[in-house]
Amino acid sequence: MELTKEIKKMLVEKDMTATQLAEKIGMSQGNLSTKMKNESYSVQDLIKIAEATGYELKISFVKDDMEI
């Protein structure tokens, strides 16, 4: 899953910049930029991003049918 790609789509739909998002979630723009570049979000980061953009966050595990 490419989280940064999805977040960028959400920002476009909400007419919001990454800087504005960072401000809304209480994070520096540089820190958010690093997280976006490295795809290194915590669950708490994702919850805050969802709340700030008006989206619902759903996290699930899906069983892999391939057995090792």
PDB file of N, CA and C in Angstrom:
ATOM      1  N   MET A   1       0.848  -1.178   0.000  1.00  0.00           N
ATOM      2  CA  MET A   1       0.000   0.000   0.000  1.00  0.00           C
ATOM      3  C   MET A   1       0.891   1.237   0.000  1.00  0.00           C
ATOM      4  N   GLU A   2       0.610   2.124  -0.871  1.00  0.00           N
ATOM      5  CA  GLU A   2       1.381   3.352  -0.942  1.00  0.00           C
ATOM      6  C   GLU A   2       0.636   4.446  -0.191  1.00  0.00           C
ATOM      7  N   LEU A   3       0.948   4.585   1.063  1.00  0.00           N
ATOM      8  CA  LEU A   3       0.231   5.534   1.902  1.00  0.00           C
ATOM      9  C   LEU A   3       0.438   6.978   1.460  1.00  0.00           C
ATOM     10  N   THR A   4       1.665   7.334   1.120  1.00  0.00           N
ATOM     11  CA  THR A   4       1.939   8.718   0.723  1.00  0.00           C
ATOM     12  C   THR A   4       1.138   9.091  -0.509  1.00  0.00           C
ATOM     13  N   LYS A   5       1.036   8.185  -1.452  1.00  0.00           N
ATOM     14  CA  LYS A   5       0.251   8.445  -2.660  1.00  0.00           C
ATOM     15  C   LYS A   5      -1.209   8.724  -2.299  1.00  0.00           C
ATOM     16  N   GLU A   6      -1.752   7.931  -1.394  1.00  0.00           N
ATOM     17  CA  GLU A   6      -3.138   8.121  -0.961  1.00  0.00           C
ATOM     18  C   GLU A   6      -3.306   9.444  -0.204  1.00  0.00           C
ATOM     19  N   ILE A   7      -2.346   9.758   0.640  1.00  0.00           N
ATOM     20  CA  ILE A   7      -2.418  11.018   1.392  1.00  0.00           C
ATOM     21  C   ILE A   7      -2.359  12.205   0.435  1.00  0.00           C
ATOM     22  N   LYS A   8      -1.500  12.135  -0.562  1.00  0.00           N
ATOM     23  CA  LYS A   8      -1.412  13.226  -1.540  1.00  0.00           C
ATOM     24  C   LYS A   8      -2.725  13.394  -2.295  1.00  0.00           C
ATOM     25  N   LYS A   9      -3.380  12.290  -2.635  1.00  0.00           N
ATOM     26  CA  LYS A   9      -4.696  12.364  -3.292  1.00  0.00           C
ATOM     27  C   LYS A   9      -5.707  13.056  -2.381  1.00  0.00           C
ATOM     28  N   MET A  10      -5.683  12.692  -1.103  1.00  0.00           N
ATOM     29  CA  MET A  10      -6.592  13.302  -0.141  1.00  0.00           C
ATOM     30  C   MET A  10      -6.345  14.801  -0.052  1.00  0.00           C
ATOM     31  N   LEU A  11      -5.091  15.195  -0.043  1.00  0.00           N
ATOM     32  CA  LEU A  11      -4.762  16.621   0.042  1.00  0.00           C
ATOM     33  C   LEU A  11      -5.280  17.384  -1.170  1.00  0.00           C
ATOM     34  N   VAL A  12      -5.144  16.793  -2.347  1.00  0.00           N
ATOM     35  CA  VAL A  12      -5.654  17.442  -3.564  1.00  0.00           C
ATOM     36  C   VAL A  12      -7.167  17.583  -3.479  1.00  0.00           C
ATOM     37  N   GLU A  13      -7.842  16.516  -3.067  1.00  0.00           N
ATOM     38  CA  GLU A  13      -9.304  16.560  -2.959  1.00  0.00           C
ATOM     39  C   GLU A  13      -9.776  17.590  -1.947  1.00  0.00           C
ATOM     40  N   LYS A  14      -8.986  17.811  -0.897  1.00  0.00           N
ATOM     41  CA  LYS A  14      -9.356  18.771   0.147  1.00  0.00           C
ATOM     42  C   LYS A  14      -8.760  20.155  -0.099  1.00  0.00           C
ATOM     43  N   ASP A  15      -8.044  20.321  -1.235  1.00  0.00           N
ATOM     44  CA  ASP A  15      -7.396  21.591  -1.567  1.00  0.00           C
ATOM     45  C   ASP A  15      -6.526  22.048  -0.392  1.00  0.00           C
ATOM     46  N   MET A  16      -5.687  21.133   0.083  1.00  0.00           N
ATOM     47  CA  MET A  16      -4.844  21.376   1.252  1.00  0.00           C
ATOM     48  C   MET A  16      -3.396  21.064   0.881  1.00  0.00           C
ATOM     49  N   THR A  17      -2.477  21.839   1.407  1.00  0.00           N
ATOM     50  CA  THR A  17      -1.060  21.566   1.185  1.00  0.00           C
ATOM     51  C   THR A  17      -0.523  20.689   2.305  1.00  0.00           C
ATOM     52  N   ALA A  18       0.632  20.105   2.063  1.00  0.00           N
ATOM     53  CA  ALA A  18       1.277  19.298   3.097  1.00  0.00           C
ATOM     54  C   ALA A  18       1.640  20.171   4.292  1.00  0.00           C
ATOM     55  N   THR A  19       1.993  21.416   4.039  1.00  0.00           N
ATOM     56  CA  THR A  19       2.310  22.344   5.126  1.00  0.00           C
ATOM     57  C   THR A  19       1.081  22.590   5.992  1.00  0.00           C
ATOM     58  N   GLN A  20      -0.061  22.780   5.358  1.00  0.00           N
ATOM     59  CA  GLN A  20      -1.303  22.980   6.112  1.00  0.00           C
ATOM     60  C   GLN A  20      -1.649  21.727   6.910  1.00  0.00           C
ATOM     61  N   LEU A  21      -1.453  20.562   6.309  1.00  0.00           N
ATOM     62  CA  LEU A  21      -1.715  19.309   7.009  1.00  0.00           C
ATOM     63  C   LEU A  21      -0.807  19.189   8.225  1.00  0.00           C
ATOM     64  N   ALA A  22       0.473  19.476   8.042  1.00  0.00           N
ATOM     65  CA  ALA A  22       1.420  19.390   9.150  1.00  0.00           C
ATOM     66  C   ALA A  22       0.979  20.278  10.308  1.00  0.00           C
ATOM     67  N   GLU A  23       0.540  21.483   9.987  1.00  0.00           N
ATOM     68  CA  GLU A  23       0.068  22.402  11.030  1.00  0.00           C
ATOM     69  C   GLU A  23      -1.146  21.820  11.755  1.00  0.00           C
ATOM     70  N   LYS A  24      -2.077  21.250  10.993  1.00  0.00           N
ATOM     71  CA  LYS A  24      -3.302  20.700  11.591  1.00  0.00           C
ATOM     72  C   LYS A  24      -3.034  19.523  12.516  1.00  0.00           C
ATOM     73  N   ILE A  25      -1.996  18.761  12.227  1.00  0.00           N
ATOM     74  CA  ILE A  25      -1.727  17.572  13.042  1.00  0.00           C
ATOM     75  C   ILE A  25      -0.626  17.820  14.076  1.00  0.00           C
ATOM     76  N   GLY A  26      -0.164  19.063  14.161  1.00  0.00           N
ATOM     77  CA  GLY A  26       0.824  19.406  15.180  1.00  0.00           C
ATOM     78  C   GLY A  26       2.205  18.853  14.923  1.00  0.00           C
ATOM     79  N   MET A  27       2.599  18.848  13.653  1.00  0.00           N
ATOM     80  CA  MET A  27       3.888  18.296  13.265  1.00  0.00           C
ATOM     81  C   MET A  27       4.603  19.342  12.407  1.00  0.00           C
ATOM     82  N   SER A  28       5.912  19.372  12.471  1.00  0.00           N
ATOM     83  CA  SER A  28       6.634  20.301  11.597  1.00  0.00           C
ATOM     84  C   SER A  28       6.509  19.829  10.153  1.00  0.00           C
ATOM     85  N   GLN A  29       6.607  20.754   9.239  1.00  0.00           N
ATOM     86  CA  GLN A  29       6.506  20.416   7.826  1.00  0.00           C
ATOM     87  C   GLN A  29       7.650  19.480   7.437  1.00  0.00           C
ATOM     88  N   GLY A  30       8.832  19.725   7.985  1.00  0.00           N
ATOM     89  CA  GLY A  30       9.986  18.878   7.682  1.00  0.00           C
ATOM     90  C   GLY A  30       9.794  17.448   8.152  1.00  0.00           C
ATOM     91  N   ASN A  31       9.226  17.296   9.338  1.00  0.00           N
ATOM     92  CA  ASN A  31       8.976  15.956   9.880  1.00  0.00           C
ATOM     93  C   ASN A  31       7.950  15.216   9.025  1.00  0.00           C
ATOM     94  N   LEU A  32       6.876  15.912   8.644  1.00  0.00           N
ATOM     95  CA  LEU A  32       5.870  15.276   7.784  1.00  0.00           C
ATOM     96  C   LEU A  32       6.478  14.904   6.440  1.00  0.00           C
ATOM     97  N   SER A  33       7.285  15.789   5.892  1.00  0.00           N
ATOM     98  CA  SER A  33       7.933  15.521   4.606  1.00  0.00           C
ATOM     99  C   SER A  33       8.799  14.263   4.681  1.00  0.00           C
ATOM    100  N   THR A  34       9.539  14.121   5.769  1.00  0.00           N
ATOM    101  CA  THR A  34      10.386  12.932   5.952  1.00  0.00           C
ATOM    102  C   THR A  34       9.532  11.680   6.050  1.00  0.00           C
ATOM    103  N   LYS A  35       8.453  11.755   6.815  1.00  0.00           N
ATOM    104  CA  LYS A  35       7.559  10.595   6.945  1.00  0.00           C
ATOM    105  C   LYS A  35       6.957  10.222   5.593  1.00  0.00           C
ATOM    106  N   MET A  36       6.584  11.239   4.805  1.00  0.00           N
ATOM    107  CA  MET A  36       5.995  10.982   3.491  1.00  0.00           C
ATOM    108  C   MET A  36       7.029  10.360   2.551  1.00  0.00           C
ATOM    109  N   LYS A  37       8.240  10.848   2.611  1.00  0.00           N
ATOM    110  CA  LYS A  37       9.303  10.330   1.738  1.00  0.00           C
ATOM    111  C   LYS A  37       9.642   8.878   2.076  1.00  0.00           C
ATOM    112  N   ASN A  38       9.692   8.580   3.377  1.00  0.00           N
ATOM    113  CA  ASN A  38      10.111   7.245   3.817  1.00  0.00           C
ATOM    114  C   ASN A  38       8.959   6.285   4.076  1.00  0.00           C
ATOM    115  N   GLU A  39       7.721   6.763   3.909  1.00  0.00           N
ATOM    116  CA  GLU A  39       6.546   5.944   4.224  1.00  0.00           C
ATOM    117  C   GLU A  39       6.659   5.413   5.652  1.00  0.00           C
ATOM    118  N   SER A  40       7.001   6.292   6.575  1.00  0.00           N
ATOM    119  CA  SER A  40       7.258   5.866   7.957  1.00  0.00           C
ATOM    120  C   SER A  40       6.257   6.491   8.925  1.00  0.00           C
ATOM    121  N   TYR A  41       4.997   6.170   8.739  1.00  0.00           N
ATOM    122  CA  TYR A  41       3.926   6.710   9.571  1.00  0.00           C
ATOM    123  C   TYR A  41       3.627   5.769  10.722  1.00  0.00           C
ATOM    124  N   SER A  42       3.355   6.357  11.880  1.00  0.00           N
ATOM    125  CA  SER A  42       2.836   5.548  12.978  1.00  0.00           C
ATOM    126  C   SER A  42       1.315   5.491  12.815  1.00  0.00           C
ATOM    127  N   VAL A  43       0.688   4.585  13.510  1.00  0.00           N
ATOM    128  CA  VAL A  43      -0.772   4.500  13.461  1.00  0.00           C
ATOM    129  C   VAL A  43      -1.367   5.821  13.959  1.00  0.00           C
ATOM    130  N   GLN A  44      -0.752   6.392  15.000  1.00  0.00           N
ATOM    131  CA  GLN A  44      -1.241   7.671  15.533  1.00  0.00           C
ATOM    132  C   GLN A  44      -1.132   8.776  14.478  1.00  0.00           C
ATOM    133  N   ASP A  45      -0.049   8.786  13.695  1.00  0.00           N
ATOM    134  CA  ASP A  45       0.090   9.758  12.596  1.00  0.00           C
ATOM    135  C   ASP A  45      -1.076   9.617  11.626  1.00  0.00           C
ATOM    136  N   LEU A  46      -1.386   8.382  11.259  1.00  0.00           N
ATOM    137  CA  LEU A  46      -2.446   8.134  10.284  1.00  0.00           C
ATOM    138  C   LEU A  46      -3.812   8.537  10.828  1.00  0.00           C
ATOM    139  N   ILE A  47      -4.025   8.308  12.107  1.00  0.00           N
ATOM    140  CA  ILE A  47      -5.285   8.726  12.730  1.00  0.00           C
ATOM    141  C   ILE A  47      -5.417  10.245  12.660  1.00  0.00           C
ATOM    142  N   LYS A  48      -4.345  10.949  12.999  1.00  0.00           N
ATOM    143  CA  LYS A  48      -4.369  12.413  12.961  1.00  0.00           C
ATOM    144  C   LYS A  48      -4.584  12.928  11.533  1.00  0.00           C
ATOM    145  N   ILE A  49      -3.928  12.300  10.572  1.00  0.00           N
ATOM    146  CA  ILE A  49      -4.081  12.707   9.173  1.00  0.00           C
ATOM    147  C   ILE A  49      -5.525  12.498   8.724  1.00  0.00           C
ATOM    148  N   ALA A  50      -6.096  11.365   9.076  1.00  0.00           N
ATOM    149  CA  ALA A  50      -7.487  11.084   8.706  1.00  0.00           C
ATOM    150  C   ALA A  50      -8.423  12.124   9.323  1.00  0.00           C
ATOM    151  N   GLU A  51      -8.242  12.410  10.586  1.00  0.00           N
ATOM    152  CA  GLU A  51      -9.100  13.394  11.256  1.00  0.00           C
ATOM    153  C   GLU A  51      -8.943  14.782  10.633  1.00  0.00           C
ATOM    154  N   ALA A  52      -7.708  15.168  10.323  1.00  0.00           N
ATOM    155  CA  ALA A  52      -7.448  16.504   9.775  1.00  0.00           C
ATOM    156  C   ALA A  52      -8.006  16.681   8.371  1.00  0.00           C
ATOM    157  N   THR A  53      -8.155  15.578   7.644  1.00  0.00           N
ATOM    158  CA  THR A  53      -8.636  15.666   6.266  1.00  0.00           C
ATOM    159  C   THR A  53     -10.098  15.235   6.113  1.00  0.00           C
ATOM    160  N   GLY A  54     -10.697  14.796   7.210  1.00  0.00           N
ATOM    161  CA  GLY A  54     -12.097  14.391   7.147  1.00  0.00           C
ATOM    162  C   GLY A  54     -12.320  13.010   6.565  1.00  0.00           C
ATOM    163  N   TYR A  55     -11.306  12.180   6.641  1.00  0.00           N
ATOM    164  CA  TYR A  55     -11.425  10.807   6.162  1.00  0.00           C
ATOM    165  C   TYR A  55     -11.500   9.854   7.344  1.00  0.00           C
ATOM    166  N   GLU A  56     -11.961   8.650   7.078  1.00  0.00           N
ATOM    167  CA  GLU A  56     -11.995   7.590   8.080  1.00  0.00           C
ATOM    168  C   GLU A  56     -10.830   6.652   7.809  1.00  0.00           C
ATOM    169  N   LEU A  57     -10.090   6.310   8.841  1.00  0.00           N
ATOM    170  CA  LEU A  57      -8.974   5.381   8.699  1.00  0.00           C
ATOM    171  C   LEU A  57      -9.462   3.979   9.023  1.00  0.00           C
ATOM    172  N   LYS A  58      -9.200   3.055   8.127  1.00  0.00           N
ATOM    173  CA  LYS A  58      -9.517   1.650   8.357  1.00  0.00           C
ATOM    174  C   LYS A  58      -8.239   0.853   8.159  1.00  0.00           C
ATOM    175  N   ILE A  59      -7.907   0.053   9.159  1.00  0.00           N
ATOM    176  CA  ILE A  59      -6.715  -0.787   9.092  1.00  0.00           C
ATOM    177  C   ILE A  59      -7.174  -2.226   9.262  1.00  0.00           C
ATOM    178  N   SER A  60      -6.701  -3.099   8.390  1.00  0.00           N
ATOM    179  CA  SER A  60      -7.105  -4.495   8.523  1.00  0.00           C
ATOM    180  C   SER A  60      -5.979  -5.427   8.098  1.00  0.00           C
ATOM    181  N   PHE A  61      -6.031  -6.617   8.626  1.00  0.00           N
ATOM    182  CA  PHE A  61      -5.139  -7.673   8.209  1.00  0.00           C
ATOM    183  C   PHE A  61      -5.913  -8.572   7.254  1.00  0.00           C
ATOM    184  N   VAL A  62      -5.267  -8.970   6.186  1.00  0.00           N
ATOM    185  CA  VAL A  62      -5.891  -9.846   5.206  1.00  0.00           C
ATOM    186  C   VAL A  62      -5.038 -11.097   5.112  1.00  0.00           C
ATOM    187  N   LYS A  63      -5.678 -12.225   5.290  1.00  0.00           N
ATOM    188  CA  LYS A  63      -4.954 -13.496   5.266  1.00  0.00           C
ATOM    189  C   LYS A  63      -4.388 -13.738   3.865  1.00  0.00           C
ATOM    190  N   ASP A  64      -3.126 -14.096   3.859  1.00  0.00           N
ATOM    191  CA  ASP A  64      -2.447 -14.453   2.621  1.00  0.00           C
ATOM    192  C   ASP A  64      -2.739 -15.937   2.379  1.00  0.00           C
ATOM    193  N   ASP A  65      -3.303 -16.256   1.229  1.00  0.00           N
ATOM    194  CA  ASP A  65      -3.657 -17.637   0.931  1.00  0.00           C
ATOM    195  C   ASP A  65      -2.448 -18.522   0.648  1.00  0.00           C
ATOM    196  N   MET A  66      -1.298 -17.892   0.426  1.00  0.00           N
ATOM    197  CA  MET A  66      -0.093 -18.685   0.156  1.00  0.00           C
ATOM    198  C   MET A  66       0.509 -19.137   1.482  1.00  0.00           C
ATOM    199  N   GLU A  67       0.719 -20.423   1.619  1.00  0.00           N
ATOM    200  CA  GLU A  67       1.338 -20.962   2.823  1.00  0.00           C
ATOM    201  C   GLU A  67       2.812 -21.183   2.566  1.00  0.00           C
ATOM    202  N   ILE A  68       3.588 -20.953   3.599  1.00  0.00           N
ATOM    203  CA  ILE A  68       5.034 -21.106   3.457  1.00  0.00           C
ATOM    204  C   ILE A  68       5.443 -22.458   3.984  1.00  0.00           C
TER     205      ILE A  68
END
